[in-house]
Amino acid sequence: MERQATWRALAVTYGVVAVIQLYLAIVMNATWAGVLATVCGAAAVSFMIAAGRRRIPEPDDGAAVQHAGRPAVTSTPPSATSPYDHPG
């Protein structure tokens, strides 16, 4: 949920910048402002698309999860006979 809020905030920010740049392009007849408005508008649309996508949740069935370059991680706690347990 936090990632979606971040993408939406970025989309709103870039959308506001695009509107301001479009205003400057019209009032000042500045080509650079029109180009910047187009770029910011495209970024705002892409951020809204990113906000709408769902994340794929990681499996939590106790099975080992293997990530590239990392050792397997399990969601089960270590057993009482762990080699790291030392008696008294």
Protein backbone atom coordinates (compact mmCIF):
# COMPACT_ATOMS: atom_id res chain seq x y z
CA MET A 1 0.00 0.00 0.00
CA GLU A 2 2.83 2.40 0.76
CA ARG A 3 4.33 1.93 -2.69
CA GLN A 4 1.03 2.79 -4.35
CA ALA A 5 0.79 5.97 -2.30
CA THR A 6 4.33 6.89 -3.30
CA TRP A 7 3.60 6.38 -7.00
CA ARG A 8 0.39 8.41 -6.70
CA ALA A 9 2.23 11.24 -4.94
CA LEU A 10 4.83 11.28 -7.71
CA ALA A 11 2.07 11.31 -10.33
CA VAL A 12 0.35 14.27 -8.67
CA THR A 13 3.63 16.15 -8.32
CA TYR A 14 4.61 15.66 -11.95
CA GLY A 15 1.05 16.45 -13.05
CA VAL A 16 1.16 19.79 -11.25
CA VAL A 17 4.56 20.58 -12.78
CA ALA A 18 3.18 19.67 -16.23
CA VAL A 19 0.24 22.06 -15.79
CA ILE A 20 2.52 24.88 -14.66
CA GLN A 21 4.85 24.31 -17.59
CA LEU A 22 1.92 24.21 -20.00
CA TYR A 23 0.74 27.55 -18.63
CA LEU A 24 4.23 29.01 -19.14
CA ALA A 25 4.34 27.59 -22.67
CA ILE A 26 1.07 29.29 -23.57
CA VAL A 27 1.68 32.64 -21.87
CA MET A 28 5.35 33.10 -22.80
CA ASN A 29 5.23 31.20 -26.10
CA ALA A 30 8.22 29.17 -24.83
CA THR A 31 8.95 25.97 -26.69
CA TRP A 32 11.08 24.59 -23.89
CA ALA A 33 8.15 24.85 -21.49
CA GLY A 34 5.94 22.93 -23.89
CA VAL A 35 8.52 20.17 -24.20
CA LEU A 36 8.94 20.02 -20.44
CA ALA A 37 5.14 19.92 -19.99
CA THR A 38 4.95 16.96 -22.36
CA VAL A 39 7.72 15.08 -20.57
CA CYS A 40 6.24 15.73 -17.13
CA GLY A 41 2.80 14.73 -18.34
CA ALA A 42 4.14 11.45 -19.72
CA ALA A 43 5.92 10.80 -16.42
CA ALA A 44 2.72 11.51 -14.49
CA VAL A 45 0.78 9.02 -16.63
CA SER A 46 3.46 6.36 -16.20
CA PHE A 47 3.47 6.89 -12.43
CA MET A 48 -0.32 6.44 -12.33
CA ILE A 49 0.04 3.20 -14.27
CA ALA A 50 2.69 2.05 -11.80
CA ALA A 51 0.39 2.94 -8.88
CA GLY A 52 -2.37 0.81 -10.38
CA ARG A 53 -0.28 -2.31 -10.68
CA ARG A 54 -0.50 -4.93 -7.97
CA ARG A 55 2.58 -6.33 -6.34
CA ILE A 56 3.09 -10.06 -6.50
CA PRO A 57 3.16 -11.27 -2.89
CA GLU A 58 5.96 -13.57 -1.83
CA PRO A 59 4.91 -17.08 -0.81
CA ASP A 60 4.52 -17.59 2.92
CA ASP A 61 3.88 -21.33 3.06
CA GLY A 62 6.98 -22.21 5.06
CA ALA A 63 8.87 -23.20 1.93
CA ALA A 64 12.32 -21.85 1.27
CA VAL A 65 12.42 -18.74 -0.89
CA GLN A 66 15.46 -18.46 -3.13
CA HIS A 67 16.54 -15.02 -4.33
CA ALA A 68 19.30 -14.46 -6.84
CA GLY A 69 22.65 -14.41 -5.08
CA ARG A 70 21.21 -14.99 -1.63
CA PRO A 71 20.91 -18.16 0.46
CA ALA A 72 17.50 -19.77 0.85
CA VAL A 73 15.34 -18.22 3.56
CA THR A 74 12.65 -20.11 5.42
CA SER A 75 9.78 -18.66 7.38
CA THR A 76 9.92 -21.37 10.05
CA PRO A 77 11.74 -20.72 13.33
CA PRO A 78 14.95 -22.63 14.06
CA SER A 79 14.52 -25.91 15.88
CA ALA A 80 15.54 -26.51 19.48
CA THR A 81 18.40 -28.69 18.24
CA SER A 82 20.08 -25.88 16.38
CA PRO A 83 23.87 -26.22 16.12
CA TYR A 84 24.10 -22.71 17.58
CA ASP A 85 22.43 -23.69 20.85
CA HIS A 86 25.00 -24.39 23.53
CA PRO A 87 23.97 -25.95 26.82
CA GLY A 88 24.46 -23.87 29.89
